[in-house]
Amino acid sequence: MKKILFVDDEEGMHQIFRMLLKREAREGLFSVEYFTSASQCLAYAEGSSSLEDLVILTDISMPGMDGFELLERIREKFPQVPVVVISAHESDVYLEKAKRLGAIAYLTKPLEIAELKKLL
């Protein structure tokens, strides 16, 4: 079963994500762990016994460590873990940076449910 690590400092985004993927999570297609900071997510990943089924979805703009720094650190330590960047910024600069750092996708808020489900 896939385990999604969802990182966003806005609690409202956690609630939206839960609602968008309620059926899939209920059917056991994957489980989700929610984090309000990139450092929490990184610590969780570092303590995980299995990274094979891990997928990280991260916001960019967060206090402390931002999503780009999280992406860099994940790539250094766990290059096989797919990372999807989620942002309200529809900027080519952000998109290019995310790709350069190794993100497998860049989604803009508000999230399109069909696109998100296809990715997962």
PDB file of N, CA and C in Angstrom:
ATOM      1  N   MET A   1       0.841  -1.170   0.000  1.00  0.00           N
ATOM      2  CA  MET A   1       0.000   0.000   0.000  1.00  0.00           C
ATOM      3  C   MET A   1       0.897   1.248   0.000  1.00  0.00           C
ATOM      4  N   LYS A   2       0.552   2.209  -0.843  1.00  0.00           N
ATOM      5  CA  LYS A   2       1.283   3.469  -0.888  1.00  0.00           C
ATOM      6  C   LYS A   2       1.019   4.268   0.377  1.00  0.00           C
ATOM      7  N   LYS A   3       2.054   4.971   0.824  1.00  0.00           N
ATOM      8  CA  LYS A   3       1.902   5.884   1.948  1.00  0.00           C
ATOM      9  C   LYS A   3       2.265   7.270   1.440  1.00  0.00           C
ATOM     10  N   ILE A   4       1.326   8.187   1.569  1.00  0.00           N
ATOM     11  CA  ILE A   4       1.530   9.557   1.127  1.00  0.00           C
ATOM     12  C   ILE A   4       1.881  10.405   2.343  1.00  0.00           C
ATOM     13  N   LEU A   5       2.946  11.186   2.210  1.00  0.00           N
ATOM     14  CA  LEU A   5       3.292  12.162   3.229  1.00  0.00           C
ATOM     15  C   LEU A   5       2.875  13.525   2.674  1.00  0.00           C
ATOM     16  N   PHE A   6       1.876  14.142   3.278  1.00  0.00           N
ATOM     17  CA  PHE A   6       1.327  15.405   2.798  1.00  0.00           C
ATOM     18  C   PHE A   6       1.839  16.518   3.706  1.00  0.00           C
ATOM     19  N   VAL A   7       2.524  17.503   3.103  1.00  0.00           N
ATOM     20  CA  VAL A   7       3.155  18.569   3.881  1.00  0.00           C
ATOM     21  C   VAL A   7       2.611  19.922   3.449  1.00  0.00           C
ATOM     22  N   ASP A   8       1.947  20.596   4.367  1.00  0.00           N
ATOM     23  CA  ASP A   8       1.446  21.949   4.110  1.00  0.00           C
ATOM     24  C   ASP A   8       1.233  22.598   5.464  1.00  0.00           C
ATOM     25  N   ASP A   9       1.669  23.829   5.610  1.00  0.00           N
ATOM     26  CA  ASP A   9       1.526  24.501   6.893  1.00  0.00           C
ATOM     27  C   ASP A   9       0.105  24.991   7.151  1.00  0.00           C
ATOM     28  N   GLU A  10      -0.771  24.914   6.157  1.00  0.00           N
ATOM     29  CA  GLU A  10      -2.159  25.345   6.318  1.00  0.00           C
ATOM     30  C   GLU A  10      -3.050  24.140   6.631  1.00  0.00           C
ATOM     31  N   GLU A  11      -3.640  24.154   7.818  1.00  0.00           N
ATOM     32  CA  GLU A  11      -4.530  23.051   8.217  1.00  0.00           C
ATOM     33  C   GLU A  11      -5.682  22.885   7.236  1.00  0.00           C
ATOM     34  N   GLY A  12      -6.148  23.986   6.656  1.00  0.00           N
ATOM     35  CA  GLY A  12      -7.239  23.924   5.691  1.00  0.00           C
ATOM     36  C   GLY A  12      -6.906  23.037   4.507  1.00  0.00           C
ATOM     37  N   MET A  13      -5.658  23.051   4.067  1.00  0.00           N
ATOM     38  CA  MET A  13      -5.237  22.188   2.962  1.00  0.00           C
ATOM     39  C   MET A  13      -5.293  20.717   3.369  1.00  0.00           C
ATOM     40  N   HIS A  14      -5.015  20.420   4.611  1.00  0.00           N
ATOM     41  CA  HIS A  14      -5.112  19.040   5.103  1.00  0.00           C
ATOM     42  C   HIS A  14      -6.559  18.559   4.993  1.00  0.00           C
ATOM     43  N   GLN A  15      -7.488  19.416   5.391  1.00  0.00           N
ATOM     44  CA  GLN A  15      -8.908  19.051   5.333  1.00  0.00           C
ATOM     45  C   GLN A  15      -9.363  18.864   3.886  1.00  0.00           C
ATOM     46  N   ILE A  16      -8.936  19.750   3.003  1.00  0.00           N
ATOM     47  CA  ILE A  16      -9.294  19.632   1.584  1.00  0.00           C
ATOM     48  C   ILE A  16      -8.747  18.338   1.012  1.00  0.00           C
ATOM     49  N   PHE A  17      -7.496  18.022   1.308  1.00  0.00           N
ATOM     50  CA  PHE A  17      -6.866  16.807   0.808  1.00  0.00           C
ATOM     51  C   PHE A  17      -7.608  15.570   1.316  1.00  0.00           C
ATOM     52  N   ARG A  18      -7.985  15.585   2.589  1.00  0.00           N
ATOM     53  CA  ARG A  18      -8.752  14.464   3.150  1.00  0.00           C
ATOM     54  C   ARG A  18     -10.068  14.277   2.398  1.00  0.00           C
ATOM     55  N   MET A  19     -10.752  15.383   2.114  1.00  0.00           N
ATOM     56  CA  MET A  19     -12.032  15.306   1.407  1.00  0.00           C
ATOM     57  C   MET A  19     -11.848  14.827  -0.027  1.00  0.00           C
ATOM     58  N   LEU A  20     -10.815  15.308  -0.708  1.00  0.00           N
ATOM     59  CA  LEU A  20     -10.594  14.943  -2.100  1.00  0.00           C
ATOM     60  C   LEU A  20     -10.324  13.452  -2.263  1.00  0.00           C
ATOM     61  N   LEU A  21      -9.626  12.874  -1.300  1.00  0.00           N
ATOM     62  CA  LEU A  21      -9.201  11.477  -1.445  1.00  0.00           C
ATOM     63  C   LEU A  21      -9.837  10.548  -0.424  1.00  0.00           C
ATOM     64  N   LYS A  22     -10.969  10.953   0.109  1.00  0.00           N
ATOM     65  CA  LYS A  22     -11.644  10.176   1.147  1.00  0.00           C
ATOM     66  C   LYS A  22     -11.953   8.752   0.678  1.00  0.00           C
ATOM     67  N   ARG A  23     -12.540   8.616  -0.497  1.00  0.00           N
ATOM     68  CA  ARG A  23     -12.939   7.294  -0.973  1.00  0.00           C
ATOM     69  C   ARG A  23     -11.733   6.384  -1.180  1.00  0.00           C
ATOM     70  N   GLU A  24     -10.685   6.883  -1.802  1.00  0.00           N
ATOM     71  CA  GLU A  24      -9.504   6.068  -2.076  1.00  0.00           C
ATOM     72  C   GLU A  24      -8.827   5.611  -0.782  1.00  0.00           C
ATOM     73  N   ALA A  25      -8.756   6.519   0.189  1.00  0.00           N
ATOM     74  CA  ALA A  25      -8.157   6.150   1.469  1.00  0.00           C
ATOM     75  C   ALA A  25      -9.023   5.111   2.184  1.00  0.00           C
ATOM     76  N   ARG A  26     -10.340   5.288   2.118  1.00  0.00           N
ATOM     77  CA  ARG A  26     -11.263   4.342   2.765  1.00  0.00           C
ATOM     78  C   ARG A  26     -11.153   2.956   2.130  1.00  0.00           C
ATOM     79  N   GLU A  27     -10.915   2.918   0.812  1.00  0.00           N
ATOM     80  CA  GLU A  27     -10.792   1.639   0.109  1.00  0.00           C
ATOM     81  C   GLU A  27      -9.421   1.000   0.302  1.00  0.00           C
ATOM     82  N   GLY A  28      -8.559   1.651   1.049  1.00  0.00           N
ATOM     83  CA  GLY A  28      -7.255   1.073   1.349  1.00  0.00           C
ATOM     84  C   GLY A  28      -6.244   1.161   0.216  1.00  0.00           C
ATOM     85  N   LEU A  29      -6.446   2.066  -0.726  1.00  0.00           N
ATOM     86  CA  LEU A  29      -5.495   2.217  -1.825  1.00  0.00           C
ATOM     87  C   LEU A  29      -4.202   2.857  -1.344  1.00  0.00           C
ATOM     88  N   PHE A  30      -4.293   3.669  -0.315  1.00  0.00           N
ATOM     89  CA  PHE A  30      -3.113   4.269   0.287  1.00  0.00           C
ATOM     90  C   PHE A  30      -3.476   4.831   1.654  1.00  0.00           C
ATOM     91  N   SER A  31      -2.454   5.139   2.421  1.00  0.00           N
ATOM     92  CA  SER A  31      -2.658   5.820   3.691  1.00  0.00           C
ATOM     93  C   SER A  31      -1.952   7.172   3.606  1.00  0.00           C
ATOM     94  N   VAL A  32      -2.360   8.089   4.453  1.00  0.00           N
ATOM     95  CA  VAL A  32      -1.802   9.438   4.402  1.00  0.00           C
ATOM     96  C   VAL A  32      -1.347   9.855   5.794  1.00  0.00           C
ATOM     97  N   GLU A  33      -0.163  10.419   5.853  1.00  0.00           N
ATOM     98  CA  GLU A  33       0.352  11.048   7.072  1.00  0.00           C
ATOM     99  C   GLU A  33       0.405  12.544   6.775  1.00  0.00           C
ATOM    100  N   TYR A  34      -0.066  13.372   7.714  1.00  0.00           N
ATOM    101  CA  TYR A  34      -0.137  14.809   7.515  1.00  0.00           C
ATOM    102  C   TYR A  34       0.890  15.522   8.387  1.00  0.00           C
ATOM    103  N   PHE A  35       1.578  16.491   7.775  1.00  0.00           N
ATOM    104  CA  PHE A  35       2.599  17.261   8.480  1.00  0.00           C
ATOM    105  C   PHE A  35       2.394  18.747   8.211  1.00  0.00           C
ATOM    106  N   THR A  36       2.650  19.569   9.222  1.00  0.00           N
ATOM    107  CA  THR A  36       2.524  21.016   9.045  1.00  0.00           C
ATOM    108  C   THR A  36       3.876  21.678   8.815  1.00  0.00           C
ATOM    109  N   SER A  37       4.947  20.891   8.809  1.00  0.00           N
ATOM    110  CA  SER A  37       6.269  21.452   8.509  1.00  0.00           C
ATOM    111  C   SER A  37       7.110  20.434   7.749  1.00  0.00           C
ATOM    112  N   ALA A  38       8.012  20.958   6.950  1.00  0.00           N
ATOM    113  CA  ALA A  38       8.912  20.107   6.172  1.00  0.00           C
ATOM    114  C   ALA A  38       9.848  19.322   7.084  1.00  0.00           C
ATOM    115  N   SER A  39      10.262  19.927   8.191  1.00  0.00           N
ATOM    116  CA  SER A  39      11.174  19.225   9.097  1.00  0.00           C
ATOM    117  C   SER A  39      10.497  18.010   9.734  1.00  0.00           C
ATOM    118  N   GLN A  40       9.199  18.110  10.043  1.00  0.00           N
ATOM    119  CA  GLN A  40       8.458  16.956  10.573  1.00  0.00           C
ATOM    120  C   GLN A  40       8.431  15.824   9.554  1.00  0.00           C
ATOM    121  N   CYS A  41       8.168  16.175   8.305  1.00  0.00           N
ATOM    122  CA  CYS A  41       8.102  15.171   7.244  1.00  0.00           C
ATOM    123  C   CYS A  41       9.456  14.503   7.042  1.00  0.00           C
ATOM    124  N   LEU A  42      10.515  15.293   7.021  1.00  0.00           N
ATOM    125  CA  LEU A  42      11.859  14.747   6.835  1.00  0.00           C
ATOM    126  C   LEU A  42      12.211  13.793   7.970  1.00  0.00           C
ATOM    127  N   ALA A  43      11.899  14.174   9.193  1.00  0.00           N
ATOM    128  CA  ALA A  43      12.169  13.303  10.345  1.00  0.00           C
ATOM    129  C   ALA A  43      11.395  11.996  10.222  1.00  0.00           C
ATOM    130  N   TYR A  44      10.148  12.056   9.776  1.00  0.00           N
ATOM    131  CA  TYR A  44       9.342  10.854   9.580  1.00  0.00           C
ATOM    132  C   TYR A  44       9.982   9.955   8.520  1.00  0.00           C
ATOM    133  N   ALA A  45      10.374  10.538   7.395  1.00  0.00           N
ATOM    134  CA  ALA A  45      10.992   9.760   6.316  1.00  0.00           C
ATOM    135  C   ALA A  45      12.284   9.114   6.793  1.00  0.00           C
ATOM    136  N   GLU A  46      13.081   9.853   7.543  1.00  0.00           N
ATOM    137  CA  GLU A  46      14.346   9.314   8.049  1.00  0.00           C
ATOM    138  C   GLU A  46      14.115   8.158   9.010  1.00  0.00           C
ATOM    139  N   GLY A  47      12.998   8.161   9.708  1.00  0.00           N
ATOM    140  CA  GLY A  47      12.690   7.090  10.652  1.00  0.00           C
ATOM    141  C   GLY A  47      11.899   5.938  10.057  1.00  0.00           C
ATOM    142  N   SER A  48      11.529   6.044   8.783  1.00  0.00           N
ATOM    143  CA  SER A  48      10.736   4.994   8.137  1.00  0.00           C
ATOM    144  C   SER A  48      11.574   3.763   7.856  1.00  0.00           C
ATOM    145  N   SER A  49      10.966   2.624   8.072  1.00  0.00           N
ATOM    146  CA  SER A  49      11.669   1.376   7.792  1.00  0.00           C
ATOM    147  C   SER A  49      11.584   1.009   6.317  1.00  0.00           C
ATOM    148  N   SER A  50      10.528   1.463   5.631  1.00  0.00           N
ATOM    149  CA  SER A  50      10.365   1.159   4.219  1.00  0.00           C
ATOM    150  C   SER A  50      10.026   2.423   3.448  1.00  0.00           C
ATOM    151  N   LEU A  51      10.831   2.712   2.432  1.00  0.00           N
ATOM    152  CA  LEU A  51      10.607   3.895   1.608  1.00  0.00           C
ATOM    153  C   LEU A  51      10.082   3.530   0.227  1.00  0.00           C
ATOM    154  N   GLU A  52       9.915   2.250  -0.034  1.00  0.00           N
ATOM    155  CA  GLU A  52       9.530   1.785  -1.364  1.00  0.00           C
ATOM    156  C   GLU A  52       8.183   2.323  -1.823  1.00  0.00           C
ATOM    157  N   ASP A  53       7.232   2.446  -0.924  1.00  0.00           N
ATOM    158  CA  ASP A  53       5.882   2.866  -1.293  1.00  0.00           C
ATOM    159  C   ASP A  53       5.562   4.282  -0.840  1.00  0.00           C
ATOM    160  N   LEU A  54       6.594   5.054  -0.535  1.00  0.00           N
ATOM    161  CA  LEU A  54       6.406   6.407  -0.044  1.00  0.00           C
ATOM    162  C   LEU A  54       6.301   7.404  -1.193  1.00  0.00           C
ATOM    163  N   VAL A  55       5.362   8.353  -1.069  1.00  0.00           N
ATOM    164  CA  VAL A  55       5.215   9.470  -2.003  1.00  0.00           C
ATOM    165  C   VAL A  55       5.045  10.723  -1.154  1.00  0.00           C
ATOM    166  N   ILE A  56       5.787  11.771  -1.491  1.00  0.00           N
ATOM    167  CA  ILE A  56       5.693  13.021  -0.733  1.00  0.00           C
ATOM    168  C   ILE A  56       5.031  14.088  -1.589  1.00  0.00           C
ATOM    169  N   LEU A  57       4.009  14.736  -1.024  1.00  0.00           N
ATOM    170  CA  LEU A  57       3.363  15.896  -1.642  1.00  0.00           C
ATOM    171  C   LEU A  57       3.652  17.068  -0.728  1.00  0.00           C
ATOM    172  N   THR A  58       4.329  18.083  -1.253  1.00  0.00           N
ATOM    173  CA  THR A  58       4.718  19.199  -0.403  1.00  0.00           C
ATOM    174  C   THR A  58       4.385  20.554  -0.997  1.00  0.00           C
ATOM    175  N   ASP A  59       3.972  21.433  -0.126  1.00  0.00           N
ATOM    176  CA  ASP A  59       3.793  22.827  -0.467  1.00  0.00           C
ATOM    177  C   ASP A  59       5.187  23.452  -0.566  1.00  0.00           C
ATOM    178  N   ILE A  60       5.287  24.608  -1.209  1.00  0.00           N
ATOM    179  CA  ILE A  60       6.577  25.298  -1.295  1.00  0.00           C
ATOM    180  C   ILE A  60       6.732  26.282  -0.148  1.00  0.00           C
ATOM    181  N   SER A  61       5.773  27.187  -0.028  1.00  0.00           N
ATOM    182  CA  SER A  61       5.889  28.289   0.931  1.00  0.00           C
ATOM    183  C   SER A  61       5.463  27.853   2.322  1.00  0.00           C
ATOM    184  N   MET A  62       6.483  27.600   3.162  1.00  0.00           N
ATOM    185  CA  MET A  62       6.231  27.224   4.550  1.00  0.00           C
ATOM    186  C   MET A  62       7.304  27.875   5.407  1.00  0.00           C
ATOM    187  N   PRO A  63       6.978  28.195   6.663  1.00  0.00           N
ATOM    188  CA  PRO A  63       8.005  28.770   7.543  1.00  0.00           C
ATOM    189  C   PRO A  63       9.090  27.748   7.851  1.00  0.00           C
ATOM    190  N   GLY A  64      10.257  28.238   8.144  1.00  0.00           N
ATOM    191  CA  GLY A  64      11.380  27.339   8.413  1.00  0.00           C
ATOM    192  C   GLY A  64      11.871  26.739   7.111  1.00  0.00           C
ATOM    193  N   MET A  65      11.953  25.434   7.057  1.00  0.00           N
ATOM    194  CA  MET A  65      12.365  24.742   5.835  1.00  0.00           C
ATOM    195  C   MET A  65      11.216  24.799   4.828  1.00  0.00           C
ATOM    196  N   ASP A  66      11.486  25.310   3.631  1.00  0.00           N
ATOM    197  CA  ASP A  66      10.422  25.353   2.631  1.00  0.00           C
ATOM    198  C   ASP A  66      10.398  24.055   1.818  1.00  0.00           C
ATOM    199  N   GLY A  67       9.442  23.954   0.907  1.00  0.00           N
ATOM    200  CA  GLY A  67       9.283  22.738   0.117  1.00  0.00           C
ATOM    201  C   GLY A  67      10.462  22.440  -0.794  1.00  0.00           C
ATOM    202  N   PHE A  68      11.124  23.482  -1.291  1.00  0.00           N
ATOM    203  CA  PHE A  68      12.295  23.262  -2.138  1.00  0.00           C
ATOM    204  C   PHE A  68      13.447  22.655  -1.337  1.00  0.00           C
ATOM    205  N   GLU A  69      13.658  23.160  -0.131  1.00  0.00           N
ATOM    206  CA  GLU A  69      14.720  22.599   0.709  1.00  0.00           C
ATOM    207  C   GLU A  69      14.391  21.157   1.089  1.00  0.00           C
ATOM    208  N   LEU A  70      13.118  20.886   1.392  1.00  0.00           N
ATOM    209  CA  LEU A  70      12.705  19.507   1.675  1.00  0.00           C
ATOM    210  C   LEU A  70      13.000  18.620   0.470  1.00  0.00           C
ATOM    211  N   LEU A  71      12.642  19.089  -0.711  1.00  0.00           N
ATOM    212  CA  LEU A  71      12.893  18.328  -1.936  1.00  0.00           C
ATOM    213  C   LEU A  71      14.387  18.039  -2.103  1.00  0.00           C
ATOM    214  N   GLU A  72      15.228  19.036  -1.874  1.00  0.00           N
ATOM    215  CA  GLU A  72      16.679  18.834  -1.971  1.00  0.00           C
ATOM    216  C   GLU A  72      17.166  17.773  -0.988  1.00  0.00           C
ATOM    217  N   ARG A  73      16.704  17.874   0.234  1.00  0.00           N
ATOM    218  CA  ARG A  73      17.147  16.914   1.259  1.00  0.00           C
ATOM    219  C   ARG A  73      16.650  15.501   0.975  1.00  0.00           C
ATOM    220  N   ILE A  74      15.420  15.384   0.503  1.00  0.00           N
ATOM    221  CA  ILE A  74      14.892  14.067   0.152  1.00  0.00           C
ATOM    222  C   ILE A  74      15.708  13.477  -0.992  1.00  0.00           C
ATOM    223  N   ARG A  75      16.024  14.265  -2.005  1.00  0.00           N
ATOM    224  CA  ARG A  75      16.819  13.785  -3.144  1.00  0.00           C
ATOM    225  C   ARG A  75      18.199  13.311  -2.694  1.00  0.00           C
ATOM    226  N   GLU A  76      18.820  14.031  -1.742  1.00  0.00           N
ATOM    227  CA  GLU A  76      20.142  13.646  -1.228  1.00  0.00           C
ATOM    228  C   GLU A  76      20.086  12.310  -0.498  1.00  0.00           C
ATOM    229  N   LYS A  77      19.086  12.145   0.353  1.00  0.00           N
ATOM    230  CA  LYS A  77      19.021  10.969   1.219  1.00  0.00           C
ATOM    231  C   LYS A  77      18.236   9.813   0.619  1.00  0.00           C
ATOM    232  N   PHE A  78      17.170  10.120  -0.111  1.00  0.00           N
ATOM    233  CA  PHE A  78      16.269   9.091  -0.636  1.00  0.00           C
ATOM    234  C   PHE A  78      15.920   9.393  -2.098  1.00  0.00           C
ATOM    235  N   PRO A  79      16.846   9.229  -3.009  1.00  0.00           N
ATOM    236  CA  PRO A  79      16.605   9.623  -4.407  1.00  0.00           C
ATOM    237  C   PRO A  79      15.462   8.868  -5.082  1.00  0.00           C
ATOM    238  N   GLN A  80      15.078   7.712  -4.541  1.00  0.00           N
ATOM    239  CA  GLN A  80      14.026   6.912  -5.163  1.00  0.00           C
ATOM    240  C   GLN A  80      12.617   7.352  -4.773  1.00  0.00           C
ATOM    241  N   VAL A  81      12.486   8.209  -3.765  1.00  0.00           N
ATOM    242  CA  VAL A  81      11.170   8.618  -3.281  1.00  0.00           C
ATOM    243  C   VAL A  81      10.602   9.716  -4.188  1.00  0.00           C
ATOM    244  N   PRO A  82       9.429   9.478  -4.796  1.00  0.00           N
ATOM    245  CA  PRO A  82       8.824  10.502  -5.642  1.00  0.00           C
ATOM    246  C   PRO A  82       8.295  11.672  -4.810  1.00  0.00           C
ATOM    247  N   VAL A  83       8.556  12.879  -5.303  1.00  0.00           N
ATOM    248  CA  VAL A  83       8.087  14.088  -4.629  1.00  0.00           C
ATOM    249  C   VAL A  83       7.279  14.917  -5.618  1.00  0.00           C
ATOM    250  N   VAL A  84       6.085  15.312  -5.188  1.00  0.00           N
ATOM    251  CA  VAL A  84       5.214  16.178  -5.975  1.00  0.00           C
ATOM    252  C   VAL A  84       5.140  17.513  -5.245  1.00  0.00           C
ATOM    253  N   VAL A  85       5.382  18.592  -5.970  1.00  0.00           N
ATOM    254  CA  VAL A  85       5.302  19.925  -5.394  1.00  0.00           C
ATOM    255  C   VAL A  85       3.914  20.488  -5.664  1.00  0.00           C
ATOM    256  N   ILE A  86       3.317  21.061  -4.615  1.00  0.00           N
ATOM    257  CA  ILE A  86       2.002  21.684  -4.716  1.00  0.00           C
ATOM    258  C   ILE A  86       2.161  23.139  -4.292  1.00  0.00           C
ATOM    259  N   SER A  87       1.676  24.044  -5.125  1.00  0.00           N
ATOM    260  CA  SER A  87       1.863  25.456  -4.807  1.00  0.00           C
ATOM    261  C   SER A  87       0.760  26.318  -5.389  1.00  0.00           C
ATOM    262  N   ALA A  88       0.548  27.463  -4.758  1.00  0.00           N
ATOM    263  CA  ALA A  88      -0.376  28.452  -5.292  1.00  0.00           C
ATOM    264  C   ALA A  88       0.318  29.308  -6.352  1.00  0.00           C
ATOM    265  N   HIS A  89       1.640  29.175  -6.456  1.00  0.00           N
ATOM    266  CA  HIS A  89       2.432  29.953  -7.414  1.00  0.00           C
ATOM    267  C   HIS A  89       2.388  29.300  -8.794  1.00  0.00           C
ATOM    268  N   GLU A  90       1.811  29.988  -9.761  1.00  0.00           N
ATOM    269  CA  GLU A  90       1.792  29.495 -11.139  1.00  0.00           C
ATOM    270  C   GLU A  90       2.960  30.120 -11.897  1.00  0.00           C
ATOM    271  N   SER A  91       4.137  29.937 -11.371  1.00  0.00           N
ATOM    272  CA  SER A  91       5.329  30.586 -11.891  1.00  0.00           C
ATOM    273  C   SER A  91       6.206  29.591 -12.632  1.00  0.00           C
ATOM    274  N   ASP A  92       6.660  29.976 -13.817  1.00  0.00           N
ATOM    275  CA  ASP A  92       7.591  29.122 -14.558  1.00  0.00           C
ATOM    276  C   ASP A  92       8.903  28.962 -13.805  1.00  0.00           C
ATOM    277  N   VAL A  93       9.291  29.984 -13.053  1.00  0.00           N
ATOM    278  CA  VAL A  93      10.524  29.923 -12.269  1.00  0.00           C
ATOM    279  C   VAL A  93      10.410  28.833 -11.210  1.00  0.00           C
ATOM    280  N   TYR A  94       9.276  28.793 -10.508  1.00  0.00           N
ATOM    281  CA  TYR A  94       9.058  27.764  -9.487  1.00  0.00           C
ATOM    282  C   TYR A  94       8.981  26.378 -10.126  1.00  0.00           C
ATOM    283  N   LEU A  95       8.268  26.293 -11.229  1.00  0.00           N
ATOM    284  CA  LEU A  95       8.131  25.023 -11.941  1.00  0.00           C
ATOM    285  C   LEU A  95       9.491  24.488 -12.360  1.00  0.00           C
ATOM    286  N   GLU A  96      10.301  25.332 -12.949  1.00  0.00           N
ATOM    287  CA  GLU A  96      11.639  24.914 -13.401  1.00  0.00           C
ATOM    288  C   GLU A  96      12.520  24.511 -12.232  1.00  0.00           C
ATOM    289  N   LYS A  97      12.444  25.250 -11.140  1.00  0.00           N
ATOM    290  CA  LYS A  97      13.244  24.903  -9.966  1.00  0.00           C
ATOM    291  C   LYS A  97      12.821  23.549  -9.407  1.00  0.00           C
ATOM    292  N   ALA A  98      11.519  23.324  -9.336  1.00  0.00           N
ATOM    293  CA  ALA A  98      11.018  22.037  -8.831  1.00  0.00           C
ATOM    294  C   ALA A  98      11.517  20.895  -9.709  1.00  0.00           C
ATOM    295  N   LYS A  99      11.462  21.065 -11.026  1.00  0.00           N
ATOM    296  CA  LYS A  99      11.944  20.023 -11.943  1.00  0.00           C
ATOM    297  C   LYS A  99      13.439  19.808 -11.779  1.00  0.00           C
ATOM    298  N   ARG A 100      14.183  20.920 -11.695  1.00  0.00           N
ATOM    299  CA  ARG A 100      15.643  20.832 -11.569  1.00  0.00           C
ATOM    300  C   ARG A 100      16.040  20.088 -10.288  1.00  0.00           C
ATOM    301  N   LEU A 101      15.252  20.257  -9.235  1.00  0.00           N
ATOM    302  CA  LEU A 101      15.539  19.599  -7.962  1.00  0.00           C
ATOM    303  C   LEU A 101      15.033  18.155  -7.912  1.00  0.00           C
ATOM    304  N   GLY A 102      14.284  17.741  -8.934  1.00  0.00           N
ATOM    305  CA  GLY A 102      13.884  16.342  -9.004  1.00  0.00           C
ATOM    306  C   GLY A 102      12.439  16.031  -8.701  1.00  0.00           C
ATOM    307  N   ALA A 103      11.567  17.038  -8.666  1.00  0.00           N
ATOM    308  CA  ALA A 103      10.139  16.767  -8.458  1.00  0.00           C
ATOM    309  C   ALA A 103       9.593  16.013  -9.663  1.00  0.00           C
ATOM    310  N   ILE A 104       8.698  15.066  -9.416  1.00  0.00           N
ATOM    311  CA  ILE A 104       8.110  14.323 -10.536  1.00  0.00           C
ATOM    312  C   ILE A 104       6.929  15.062 -11.138  1.00  0.00           C
ATOM    313  N   ALA A 105       6.380  16.053 -10.368  1.00  0.00           N
ATOM    314  CA  ALA A 105       5.260  16.837 -10.878  1.00  0.00           C
ATOM    315  C   ALA A 105       5.151  18.125 -10.078  1.00  0.00           C
ATOM    316  N   TYR A 106       4.455  19.091 -10.675  1.00  0.00           N
ATOM    317  CA  TYR A 106       4.206  20.380 -10.048  1.00  0.00           C
ATOM    318  C   TYR A 106       2.726  20.691 -10.243  1.00  0.00           C
ATOM    319  N   LEU A 107       1.974  20.679  -9.151  1.00  0.00           N
ATOM    320  CA  LEU A 107       0.534  20.946  -9.205  1.00  0.00           C
ATOM    321  C   LEU A 107       0.245  22.299  -8.580  1.00  0.00           C
ATOM    322  N   THR A 108      -0.708  23.017  -9.162  1.00  0.00           N
ATOM    323  CA  THR A 108      -1.064  24.304  -8.594  1.00  0.00           C
ATOM    324  C   THR A 108      -2.388  24.204  -7.835  1.00  0.00           C
ATOM    325  N   LYS A 109      -2.483  25.022  -6.795  1.00  0.00           N
ATOM    326  CA  LYS A 109      -3.703  25.116  -6.008  1.00  0.00           C
ATOM    327  C   LYS A 109      -4.641  26.068  -6.729  1.00  0.00           C
ATOM    328  N   PRO A 110      -5.929  25.841  -6.709  1.00  0.00           N
ATOM    329  CA  PRO A 110      -6.585  24.704  -6.075  1.00  0.00           C
ATOM    330  C   PRO A 110      -6.314  23.420  -6.855  1.00  0.00           C
ATOM    331  N   LEU A 111      -6.200  22.323  -6.136  1.00  0.00           N
ATOM    332  CA  LEU A 111      -5.866  21.041  -6.738  1.00  0.00           C
ATOM    333  C   LEU A 111      -6.990  20.525  -7.619  1.00  0.00           C
ATOM    334  N   GLU A 112      -6.624  20.004  -8.766  1.00  0.00           N
ATOM    335  CA  GLU A 112      -7.593  19.341  -9.650  1.00  0.00           C
ATOM    336  C   GLU A 112      -7.618  17.873  -9.243  1.00  0.00           C
ATOM    337  N   ILE A 113      -8.755  17.396  -8.775  1.00  0.00           N
ATOM    338  CA  ILE A 113      -8.871  16.042  -8.238  1.00  0.00           C
ATOM    339  C   ILE A 113      -8.485  14.979  -9.258  1.00  0.00           C
ATOM    340  N   ALA A 114      -8.883  15.132 -10.508  1.00  0.00           N
ATOM    341  CA  ALA A 114      -8.556  14.129 -11.527  1.00  0.00           C
ATOM    342  C   ALA A 114      -7.056  14.048 -11.751  1.00  0.00           C
ATOM    343  N   GLU A 115      -6.402  15.197 -11.791  1.00  0.00           N
ATOM    344  CA  GLU A 115      -4.953  15.225 -12.000  1.00  0.00           C
ATOM    345  C   GLU A 115      -4.224  14.603 -10.812  1.00  0.00           C
ATOM    346  N   LEU A 116      -4.682  14.915  -9.630  1.00  0.00           N
ATOM    347  CA  LEU A 116      -4.071  14.372  -8.419  1.00  0.00           C
ATOM    348  C   LEU A 116      -4.225  12.863  -8.355  1.00  0.00           C
ATOM    349  N   LYS A 117      -5.420  12.362  -8.618  1.00  0.00           N
ATOM    350  CA  LYS A 117      -5.668  10.914  -8.572  1.00  0.00           C
ATOM    351  C   LYS A 117      -4.843  10.190  -9.627  1.00  0.00           C
ATOM    352  N   LYS A 118      -4.713  10.777 -10.808  1.00  0.00           N
ATOM    353  CA  LYS A 118      -3.924  10.178 -11.877  1.00  0.00           C
ATOM    354  C   LYS A 118      -2.463  10.043 -11.448  1.00  0.00           C
ATOM    355  N   LEU A 119      -1.948  11.076 -10.807  1.00  0.00           N
ATOM    356  CA  LEU A 119      -0.567  11.061 -10.332  1.00  0.00           C
ATOM    357  C   LEU A 119      -0.336   9.992  -9.272  1.00  0.00           C
ATOM    358  N   LEU A 120      -1.287   9.892  -8.352  1.00  0.00           N
ATOM    359  CA  LEU A 120      -1.123   8.943  -7.249  1.00  0.00           C
ATOM    360  C   LEU A 120      -1.299   7.519  -7.722  1.00  0.00           C
TER     361      LEU A 120
END
